[in-house]
mmCIF file of all heavy atoms, coordinates in Angstrom:
data_MODEL
# 
_entry.id   MODEL 
# 
loop_
_atom_site.group_PDB 
_atom_site.id 
_atom_site.type_symbol 
_atom_site.label_atom_id 
_atom_site.label_alt_id 
_atom_site.label_comp_id 
_atom_site.label_asym_id 
_atom_site.label_entity_id 
_atom_site.label_seq_id 
_atom_site.pdbx_PDB_ins_code 
_atom_site.Cartn_x 
_atom_site.Cartn_y 
_atom_site.Cartn_z 
_atom_site.occupancy 
_atom_site.B_iso_or_equiv 
_atom_site.pdbx_formal_charge 
_atom_site.auth_seq_id 
_atom_site.auth_comp_id 
_atom_site.auth_asym_id 
_atom_site.auth_atom_id 
_atom_site.pdbx_PDB_model_num 
ATOM 1   N N   . SER A 1 1  ? 88.799 98.945  97.916  1.00 0.00 ? 1  SER A N   1 
ATOM 2   C CA  . SER A 1 1  ? 89.175 100.342 97.890  1.00 0.00 ? 1  SER A CA  1 
ATOM 3   C C   . SER A 1 1  ? 88.971 100.908 99.293  1.00 0.00 ? 1  SER A C   1 
ATOM 4   O O   . SER A 1 1  ? 88.245 100.396 100.126 1.00 0.00 ? 1  SER A O   1 
ATOM 5   C CB  . SER A 1 1  ? 88.409 101.112 96.849  1.00 0.00 ? 1  SER A CB  1 
ATOM 6   O OG  . SER A 1 1  ? 87.012 101.039 97.118  1.00 0.00 ? 1  SER A OG  1 
ATOM 7   N N   . LYS A 1 2  ? 89.624 102.072 99.558  1.00 0.00 ? 2  LYS A N   1 
ATOM 8   C CA  . LYS A 1 2  ? 89.510 102.690 100.888 1.00 0.00 ? 2  LYS A CA  1 
ATOM 9   C C   . LYS A 1 2  ? 88.068 103.194 101.132 1.00 0.00 ? 2  LYS A C   1 
ATOM 10  O O   . LYS A 1 2  ? 87.660 103.353 102.283 1.00 0.00 ? 2  LYS A O   1 
ATOM 11  C CB  . LYS A 1 2  ? 90.482 103.841 101.006 1.00 0.00 ? 2  LYS A CB  1 
ATOM 12  C CG  . LYS A 1 2  ? 91.925 103.389 101.112 1.00 0.00 ? 2  LYS A CG  1 
ATOM 13  C CD  . LYS A 1 2  ? 92.845 104.518 101.515 1.00 0.00 ? 2  LYS A CD  1 
ATOM 14  C CE  . LYS A 1 2  ? 94.270 104.015 101.803 1.00 0.00 ? 2  LYS A CE  1 
ATOM 15  N NZ  . LYS A 1 2  ? 94.979 103.653 100.581 1.00 0.00 ? 2  LYS A NZ  1 
ATOM 16  N N   . GLY A 1 3  ? 87.317 103.421 100.078 1.00 0.00 ? 3  GLY A N   1 
ATOM 17  C CA  . GLY A 1 3  ? 85.924 103.901 100.198 1.00 0.00 ? 3  GLY A CA  1 
ATOM 18  C C   . GLY A 1 3  ? 85.327 104.038 98.834  1.00 0.00 ? 3  GLY A C   1 
ATOM 19  O O   . GLY A 1 3  ? 85.962 103.640 97.828  1.00 0.00 ? 3  GLY A O   1 
ATOM 20  N N   . PRO A 1 4  ? 84.142 104.631 98.717  1.00 0.00 ? 4  PRO A N   1 
ATOM 21  C CA  . PRO A 1 4  ? 83.558 104.827 97.362  1.00 0.00 ? 4  PRO A CA  1 
ATOM 22  C C   . PRO A 1 4  ? 84.416 105.751 96.485  1.00 0.00 ? 4  PRO A C   1 
ATOM 23  O O   . PRO A 1 4  ? 84.975 106.745 96.997  1.00 0.00 ? 4  PRO A O   1 
ATOM 24  C CB  . PRO A 1 4  ? 82.193 105.463 97.690  1.00 0.00 ? 4  PRO A CB  1 
ATOM 25  C CG  . PRO A 1 4  ? 81.879 105.032 99.083  1.00 0.00 ? 4  PRO A CG  1 
ATOM 26  C CD  . PRO A 1 4  ? 83.224 105.006 99.783  1.00 0.00 ? 4  PRO A CD  1 
ATOM 27  N N   . ILE A 1 5  ? 84.472 105.414 95.219  1.00 0.00 ? 5  ILE A N   1 
ATOM 28  C CA  . ILE A 1 5  ? 85.312 106.143 94.251  1.00 0.00 ? 5  ILE A CA  1 
ATOM 29  C C   . ILE A 1 5  ? 84.380 106.875 93.295  1.00 0.00 ? 5  ILE A C   1 
ATOM 30  O O   . ILE A 1 5  ? 83.389 106.305 92.816  1.00 0.00 ? 5  ILE A O   1 
ATOM 31  C CB  . ILE A 1 5  ? 86.251 105.162 93.478  1.00 0.00 ? 5  ILE A CB  1 
ATOM 32  C CG1 . ILE A 1 5  ? 87.268 104.525 94.421  1.00 0.00 ? 5  ILE A CG1 1 
ATOM 33  C CG2 . ILE A 1 5  ? 86.903 105.838 92.291  1.00 0.00 ? 5  ILE A CG2 1 
ATOM 34  C CD1 . ILE A 1 5  ? 88.046 103.393 93.813  1.00 0.00 ? 5  ILE A CD1 1 
ATOM 35  N N   . ARG A 1 6  ? 84.727 108.094 92.968  1.00 0.00 ? 6  ARG A N   1 
ATOM 36  C CA  . ARG A 1 6  ? 83.942 108.864 91.951  1.00 0.00 ? 6  ARG A CA  1 
ATOM 37  C C   . ARG A 1 6  ? 84.186 108.298 90.552  1.00 0.00 ? 6  ARG A C   1 
ATOM 38  O O   . ARG A 1 6  ? 85.329 108.033 90.183  1.00 0.00 ? 6  ARG A O   1 
ATOM 39  C CB  . ARG A 1 6  ? 84.329 110.333 92.009  1.00 0.00 ? 6  ARG A CB  1 
ATOM 40  C CG  . ARG A 1 6  ? 83.423 111.220 91.134  1.00 0.00 ? 6  ARG A CG  1 
ATOM 41  C CD  . ARG A 1 6  ? 83.736 112.707 91.320  1.00 0.00 ? 6  ARG A CD  1 
ATOM 42  N NE  . ARG A 1 6  ? 82.749 113.512 90.676  1.00 0.00 ? 6  ARG A NE  1 
ATOM 43  C CZ  . ARG A 1 6  ? 82.938 114.140 89.502  1.00 0.00 ? 6  ARG A CZ  1 
ATOM 44  N NH1 . ARG A 1 6  ? 84.080 114.029 88.863  1.00 0.00 ? 6  ARG A NH1 1 
ATOM 45  N NH2 . ARG A 1 6  ? 81.950 114.852 88.964  1.00 0.00 ? 6  ARG A NH2 1 
ATOM 46  N N   . ALA A 1 7  ? 83.156 108.165 89.773  1.00 0.00 ? 7  ALA A N   1 
ATOM 47  C CA  . ALA A 1 7  ? 83.299 107.624 88.430  1.00 0.00 ? 7  ALA A CA  1 
ATOM 48  C C   . ALA A 1 7  ? 83.960 108.629 87.507  1.00 0.00 ? 7  ALA A C   1 
ATOM 49  O O   . ALA A 1 7  ? 83.753 109.817 87.628  1.00 0.00 ? 7  ALA A O   1 
ATOM 50  C CB  . ALA A 1 7  ? 81.917 107.241 87.892  1.00 0.00 ? 7  ALA A CB  1 
ATOM 51  N N   . GLN A 1 8  ? 84.689 108.061 86.534  1.00 0.00 ? 8  GLN A N   1 
ATOM 52  C CA  . GLN A 1 8  ? 85.233 108.850 85.432  1.00 0.00 ? 8  GLN A CA  1 
ATOM 53  C C   . GLN A 1 8  ? 84.547 108.335 84.159  1.00 0.00 ? 8  GLN A C   1 
ATOM 54  O O   . GLN A 1 8  ? 85.010 107.409 83.531  1.00 0.00 ? 8  GLN A O   1 
ATOM 55  C CB  . GLN A 1 8  ? 86.752 108.673 85.279  1.00 0.00 ? 8  GLN A CB  1 
ATOM 56  C CG  . GLN A 1 8  ? 87.552 109.282 86.419  1.00 0.00 ? 8  GLN A CG  1 
ATOM 57  C CD  . GLN A 1 8  ? 89.051 109.003 86.251  1.00 0.00 ? 8  GLN A CD  1 
ATOM 58  O OE1 . GLN A 1 8  ? 89.453 107.906 85.818  1.00 0.00 ? 8  GLN A OE1 1 
ATOM 59  N NE2 . GLN A 1 8  ? 89.849 109.941 86.593  1.00 0.00 ? 8  GLN A NE2 1 
ATOM 60  N N   . PRO A 1 9  ? 83.448 108.963 83.721  1.00 0.00 ? 9  PRO A N   1 
ATOM 61  C CA  . PRO A 1 9  ? 82.783 108.497 82.508  1.00 0.00 ? 9  PRO A CA  1 
ATOM 62  C C   . PRO A 1 9  ? 83.693 108.630 81.276  1.00 0.00 ? 9  PRO A C   1 
ATOM 63  O O   . PRO A 1 9  ? 83.643 107.793 80.376  1.00 0.00 ? 9  PRO A O   1 
ATOM 64  C CB  . PRO A 1 9  ? 81.587 109.412 82.361  1.00 0.00 ? 9  PRO A CB  1 
ATOM 65  C CG  . PRO A 1 9  ? 81.367 110.012 83.711  1.00 0.00 ? 9  PRO A CG  1 
ATOM 66  C CD  . PRO A 1 9  ? 82.711 110.046 84.364  1.00 0.00 ? 9  PRO A CD  1 
ATOM 67  N N   . TRP A 1 10 ? 84.529 109.641 81.263  1.00 0.00 ? 10 TRP A N   1 
ATOM 68  C CA  . TRP A 1 10 ? 85.494 109.851 80.190  1.00 0.00 ? 10 TRP A CA  1 
ATOM 69  C C   . TRP A 1 10 ? 86.867 109.444 80.647  1.00 0.00 ? 10 TRP A C   1 
ATOM 70  O O   . TRP A 1 10 ? 87.487 110.122 81.462  1.00 0.00 ? 10 TRP A O   1 
ATOM 71  C CB  . TRP A 1 10 ? 85.485 111.334 79.723  1.00 0.00 ? 10 TRP A CB  1 
ATOM 72  C CG  . TRP A 1 10 ? 84.124 111.827 79.402  1.00 0.00 ? 10 TRP A CG  1 
ATOM 73  C CD1 . TRP A 1 10 ? 83.416 112.771 80.074  1.00 0.00 ? 10 TRP A CD1 1 
ATOM 74  C CD2 . TRP A 1 10 ? 83.298 111.479 78.295  1.00 0.00 ? 10 TRP A CD2 1 
ATOM 75  N NE1 . TRP A 1 10 ? 82.182 113.003 79.506  1.00 0.00 ? 10 TRP A NE1 1 
ATOM 76  C CE2 . TRP A 1 10 ? 82.102 112.210 78.372  1.00 0.00 ? 10 TRP A CE2 1 
ATOM 77  C CE3 . TRP A 1 10 ? 83.447 110.554 77.198  1.00 0.00 ? 10 TRP A CE3 1 
ATOM 78  C CZ2 . TRP A 1 10 ? 81.067 112.089 77.443  1.00 0.00 ? 10 TRP A CZ2 1 
ATOM 79  C CZ3 . TRP A 1 10 ? 82.422 110.432 76.268  1.00 0.00 ? 10 TRP A CZ3 1 
ATOM 80  C CH2 . TRP A 1 10 ? 81.236 111.210 76.407  1.00 0.00 ? 10 TRP A CH2 1 
ATOM 81  N N   . SER A 1 11 ? 87.354 108.289 80.176  1.00 0.00 ? 11 SER A N   1 
ATOM 82  C CA  . SER A 1 11 ? 88.611 107.781 80.692  1.00 0.00 ? 11 SER A CA  1 
ATOM 83  C C   . SER A 1 11 ? 89.802 108.665 80.333  1.00 0.00 ? 11 SER A C   1 
ATOM 84  O O   . SER A 1 11 ? 89.915 109.107 79.147  1.00 0.00 ? 11 SER A O   1 
ATOM 85  C CB  . SER A 1 11 ? 88.866 106.370 80.106  1.00 0.00 ? 11 SER A CB  1 
ATOM 86  O OG  . SER A 1 11 ? 90.176 105.950 80.493  1.00 0.00 ? 11 SER A OG  1 
ATOM 87  N N   . PRO A 1 12 ? 90.673 108.962 81.267  1.00 0.00 ? 12 PRO A N   1 
ATOM 88  C CA  . PRO A 1 12 ? 91.888 109.749 80.949  1.00 0.00 ? 12 PRO A CA  1 
ATOM 89  C C   . PRO A 1 12 ? 92.855 108.993 80.033  1.00 0.00 ? 12 PRO A C   1 
ATOM 90  O O   . PRO A 1 12 ? 93.817 109.585 79.522  1.00 0.00 ? 12 PRO A O   1 
ATOM 91  C CB  . PRO A 1 12 ? 92.511 109.987 82.333  1.00 0.00 ? 12 PRO A CB  1 
ATOM 92  C CG  . PRO A 1 12 ? 91.974 108.940 83.235  1.00 0.00 ? 12 PRO A CG  1 
ATOM 93  C CD  . PRO A 1 12 ? 90.605 108.588 82.693  1.00 0.00 ? 12 PRO A CD  1 
ATOM 94  N N   . PHE A 1 13 ? 92.569 107.688 79.818  1.00 0.00 ? 13 PHE A N   1 
ATOM 95  C CA  . PHE A 1 13 ? 93.468 106.934 78.950  1.00 0.00 ? 13 PHE A CA  1 
ATOM 96  C C   . PHE A 1 13 ? 93.034 106.908 77.487  1.00 0.00 ? 13 PHE A C   1 
ATOM 97  O O   . PHE A 1 13 ? 93.591 106.202 76.650  1.00 0.00 ? 13 PHE A O   1 
ATOM 98  C CB  . PHE A 1 13 ? 93.596 105.457 79.465  1.00 0.00 ? 13 PHE A CB  1 
ATOM 99  C CG  . PHE A 1 13 ? 94.238 105.430 80.827  1.00 0.00 ? 13 PHE A CG  1 
ATOM 100 C CD1 . PHE A 1 13 ? 93.506 105.271 81.982  1.00 0.00 ? 13 PHE A CD1 1 
ATOM 101 C CD2 . PHE A 1 13 ? 95.625 105.579 80.947  1.00 0.00 ? 13 PHE A CD2 1 
ATOM 102 C CE1 . PHE A 1 13 ? 94.098 105.266 83.226  1.00 0.00 ? 13 PHE A CE1 1 
ATOM 103 C CE2 . PHE A 1 13 ? 96.204 105.577 82.204  1.00 0.00 ? 13 PHE A CE2 1 
ATOM 104 C CZ  . PHE A 1 13 ? 95.464 105.428 83.360  1.00 0.00 ? 13 PHE A CZ  1 
ATOM 105 N N   . ILE A 1 14 ? 91.996 107.683 77.173  1.00 0.00 ? 14 ILE A N   1 
ATOM 106 C CA  . ILE A 1 14 ? 91.583 107.852 75.773  1.00 0.00 ? 14 ILE A CA  1 
ATOM 107 C C   . ILE A 1 14 ? 91.833 109.316 75.372  1.00 0.00 ? 14 ILE A C   1 
ATOM 108 O O   . ILE A 1 14 ? 91.368 110.275 76.032  1.00 0.00 ? 14 ILE A O   1 
ATOM 109 C CB  . ILE A 1 14 ? 90.111 107.459 75.567  1.00 0.00 ? 14 ILE A CB  1 
ATOM 110 C CG1 . ILE A 1 14 ? 89.995 105.960 75.706  1.00 0.00 ? 14 ILE A CG1 1 
ATOM 111 C CG2 . ILE A 1 14 ? 89.559 107.943 74.220  1.00 0.00 ? 14 ILE A CG2 1 
ATOM 112 C CD1 . ILE A 1 14 ? 88.656 105.369 75.339  1.00 0.00 ? 14 ILE A CD1 1 
ATOM 113 N N   . ALA A 1 15 ? 92.609 109.490 74.323  1.00 0.00 ? 15 ALA A N   1 
ATOM 114 C CA  . ALA A 1 15 ? 93.044 110.828 73.890  1.00 0.00 ? 15 ALA A CA  1 
ATOM 115 C C   . ALA A 1 15 ? 91.843 111.710 73.544  1.00 0.00 ? 15 ALA A C   1 
ATOM 116 O O   . ALA A 1 15 ? 90.884 111.245 72.945  1.00 0.00 ? 15 ALA A O   1 
ATOM 117 C CB  . ALA A 1 15 ? 93.955 110.704 72.670  1.00 0.00 ? 15 ALA A CB  1 
ATOM 118 N N   . GLY A 1 16 ? 91.908 112.959 73.973  1.00 0.00 ? 16 GLY A N   1 
ATOM 119 C CA  . GLY A 1 16 ? 90.839 113.932 73.676  1.00 0.00 ? 16 GLY A CA  1 
ATOM 120 C C   . GLY A 1 16 ? 89.789 114.044 74.769  1.00 0.00 ? 16 GLY A C   1 
ATOM 121 O O   . GLY A 1 16 ? 89.025 114.997 74.807  1.00 0.00 ? 16 GLY A O   1 
ATOM 122 N N   . ASN A 1 17 ? 89.777 113.072 75.702  1.00 0.00 ? 17 ASN A N   1 
ATOM 123 C CA  . ASN A 1 17 ? 88.753 113.092 76.727  1.00 0.00 ? 17 ASN A CA  1 
ATOM 124 C C   . ASN A 1 17 ? 88.907 114.208 77.747  1.00 0.00 ? 17 ASN A C   1 
ATOM 125 O O   . ASN A 1 17 ? 87.960 114.631 78.392  1.00 0.00 ? 17 ASN A O   1 
ATOM 126 C CB  . ASN A 1 17 ? 88.677 111.749 77.483  1.00 0.00 ? 17 ASN A CB  1 
ATOM 127 C CG  . ASN A 1 17 ? 87.843 110.724 76.779  1.00 0.00 ? 17 ASN A CG  1 
ATOM 128 O OD1 . ASN A 1 17 ? 87.199 111.002 75.799  1.00 0.00 ? 17 ASN A OD1 1 
ATOM 129 N ND2 . ASN A 1 17 ? 87.847 109.489 77.299  1.00 0.00 ? 17 ASN A ND2 1 
ATOM 130 N N   . GLU A 1 18 ? 90.169 114.723 77.816  1.00 0.00 ? 18 GLU A N   1 
ATOM 131 C CA  . GLU A 1 18 ? 90.397 115.824 78.788  1.00 0.00 ? 18 GLU A CA  1 
ATOM 132 C C   . GLU A 1 18 ? 89.596 117.054 78.446  1.00 0.00 ? 18 GLU A C   1 
ATOM 133 O O   . GLU A 1 18 ? 89.333 117.926 79.311  1.00 0.00 ? 18 GLU A O   1 
ATOM 134 C CB  . GLU A 1 18 ? 91.909 116.143 78.872  1.00 0.00 ? 18 GLU A CB  1 
ATOM 135 C CG  . GLU A 1 18 ? 92.553 116.702 77.613  1.00 0.00 ? 18 GLU A CG  1 
ATOM 136 C CD  . GLU A 1 18 ? 92.902 115.652 76.555  1.00 0.00 ? 18 GLU A CD  1 
ATOM 137 O OE1 . GLU A 1 18 ? 92.687 114.435 76.819  1.00 0.00 ? 18 GLU A OE1 1 
ATOM 138 O OE2 . GLU A 1 18 ? 93.403 116.033 75.480  1.00 0.00 ? 18 GLU A OE2 1 
ATOM 139 N N   . LYS A 1 19 ? 89.111 117.139 77.199  1.00 0.00 ? 19 LYS A N   1 
ATOM 140 C CA  . LYS A 1 19 ? 88.330 118.340 76.784  1.00 0.00 ? 19 LYS A CA  1 
ATOM 141 C C   . LYS A 1 19 ? 86.838 118.155 77.028  1.00 0.00 ? 19 LYS A C   1 
ATOM 142 O O   . LYS A 1 19 ? 86.053 119.095 76.881  1.00 0.00 ? 19 LYS A O   1 
ATOM 143 C CB  . LYS A 1 19 ? 88.529 118.583 75.292  1.00 0.00 ? 19 LYS A CB  1 
ATOM 144 C CG  . LYS A 1 19 ? 89.988 118.864 74.867  1.00 0.00 ? 19 LYS A CG  1 
ATOM 145 C CD  . LYS A 1 19 ? 90.065 119.197 73.393  1.00 0.00 ? 19 LYS A CD  1 
ATOM 146 C CE  . LYS A 1 19 ? 91.527 119.389 73.003  1.00 0.00 ? 19 LYS A CE  1 
ATOM 147 N NZ  . LYS A 1 19 ? 92.020 118.393 72.079  1.00 0.00 ? 19 LYS A NZ  1 
ATOM 148 N N   . LYS A 1 20 ? 86.436 116.913 77.441  1.00 0.00 ? 20 LYS A N   1 
ATOM 149 C CA  . LYS A 1 20 ? 85.005 116.645 77.588  1.00 0.00 ? 20 LYS A CA  1 
ATOM 150 C C   . LYS A 1 20 ? 84.466 117.062 78.944  1.00 0.00 ? 20 LYS A C   1 
ATOM 151 O O   . LYS A 1 20 ? 85.150 117.003 79.939  1.00 0.00 ? 20 LYS A O   1 
ATOM 152 C CB  . LYS A 1 20 ? 84.720 115.147 77.338  1.00 0.00 ? 20 LYS A CB  1 
ATOM 153 C CG  . LYS A 1 20 ? 84.991 114.780 75.881  1.00 0.00 ? 20 LYS A CG  1 
ATOM 154 C CD  . LYS A 1 20 ? 84.540 113.424 75.504  1.00 0.00 ? 20 LYS A CD  1 
ATOM 155 C CE  . LYS A 1 20 ? 84.743 113.187 74.008  1.00 0.00 ? 20 LYS A CE  1 
ATOM 156 N NZ  . LYS A 1 20 ? 84.704 111.830 73.619  1.00 0.00 ? 20 LYS A NZ  1 
ATOM 157 N N   . LYS A 1 21 ? 83.169 117.533 78.913  1.00 0.00 ? 21 LYS A N   1 
ATOM 158 C CA  . LYS A 1 21 ? 82.569 117.999 80.161  1.00 0.00 ? 21 LYS A CA  1 
ATOM 159 C C   . LYS A 1 21 ? 82.152 116.834 81.040  1.00 0.00 ? 21 LYS A C   1 
ATOM 160 O O   . LYS A 1 21 ? 81.750 115.795 80.565  1.00 0.00 ? 21 LYS A O   1 
ATOM 161 C CB  . LYS A 1 21 ? 81.308 118.843 79.807  1.00 0.00 ? 21 LYS A CB  1 
ATOM 162 C CG  . LYS A 1 21 ? 81.665 120.213 79.235  1.00 0.00 ? 21 LYS A CG  1 
ATOM 163 C CD  . LYS A 1 21 ? 80.495 121.191 79.219  1.00 0.00 ? 21 LYS A CD  1 
ATOM 164 C CE  . LYS A 1 21 ? 79.129 120.582 79.087  1.00 0.00 ? 21 LYS A CE  1 
ATOM 165 N NZ  . LYS A 1 21 ? 78.095 121.597 78.893  1.00 0.00 ? 21 LYS A NZ  1 
ATOM 166 N N   . ASP A 1 22 ? 82.178 117.114 82.357  1.00 0.00 ? 22 ASP A N   1 
ATOM 167 C CA  . ASP A 1 22 ? 81.798 116.073 83.333  1.00 0.00 ? 22 ASP A CA  1 
ATOM 168 C C   . ASP A 1 22 ? 80.313 116.180 83.710  1.00 0.00 ? 22 ASP A C   1 
ATOM 169 O O   . ASP A 1 22 ? 79.928 115.859 84.792  1.00 0.00 ? 22 ASP A O   1 
ATOM 170 C CB  . ASP A 1 22 ? 82.663 116.258 84.589  1.00 0.00 ? 22 ASP A CB  1 
ATOM 171 C CG  . ASP A 1 22 ? 82.645 114.990 85.462  1.00 0.00 ? 22 ASP A CG  1 
ATOM 172 O OD1 . ASP A 1 22 ? 82.624 113.904 84.888  1.00 0.00 ? 22 ASP A OD1 1 
ATOM 173 O OD2 . ASP A 1 22 ? 82.618 115.130 86.688  1.00 0.00 ? 22 ASP A OD2 1 
ATOM 174 N N   . ALA A 1 23 ? 79.513 116.611 82.745  1.00 0.00 ? 23 ALA A N   1 
ATOM 175 C CA  . ALA A 1 23 ? 78.048 116.678 82.995  1.00 0.00 ? 23 ALA A CA  1 
ATOM 176 C C   . ALA A 1 23 ? 77.434 116.478 81.599  1.00 0.00 ? 23 ALA A C   1 
ATOM 177 O O   . ALA A 1 23 ? 78.007 116.793 80.575  1.00 0.00 ? 23 ALA A O   1 
ATOM 178 C CB  . ALA A 1 23 ? 77.655 118.023 83.513  1.00 0.00 ? 23 ALA A CB  1 
ATOM 179 N N   . PRO A 1 24 ? 76.219 115.855 81.560  1.00 0.00 ? 24 PRO A N   1 
ATOM 180 C CA  . PRO A 1 24 ? 75.593 115.618 80.309  1.00 0.00 ? 24 PRO A CA  1 
ATOM 181 C C   . PRO A 1 24 ? 75.216 116.898 79.566  1.00 0.00 ? 24 PRO A C   1 
ATOM 182 O O   . PRO A 1 24 ? 74.985 117.930 80.183  1.00 0.00 ? 24 PRO A O   1 
ATOM 183 C CB  . PRO A 1 24 ? 74.277 114.847 80.656  1.00 0.00 ? 24 PRO A CB  1 
ATOM 184 C CG  . PRO A 1 24 ? 74.457 114.430 82.074  1.00 0.00 ? 24 PRO A CG  1 
ATOM 185 C CD  . PRO A 1 24 ? 75.416 115.412 82.680  1.00 0.00 ? 24 PRO A CD  1 
# 
């Protein structure tokens, strides 16, 4: 990769994840 990539704990390829918060 061009550099370090930010993690996506909630995959955009699983339905409903777009509503989930990016923090615990």
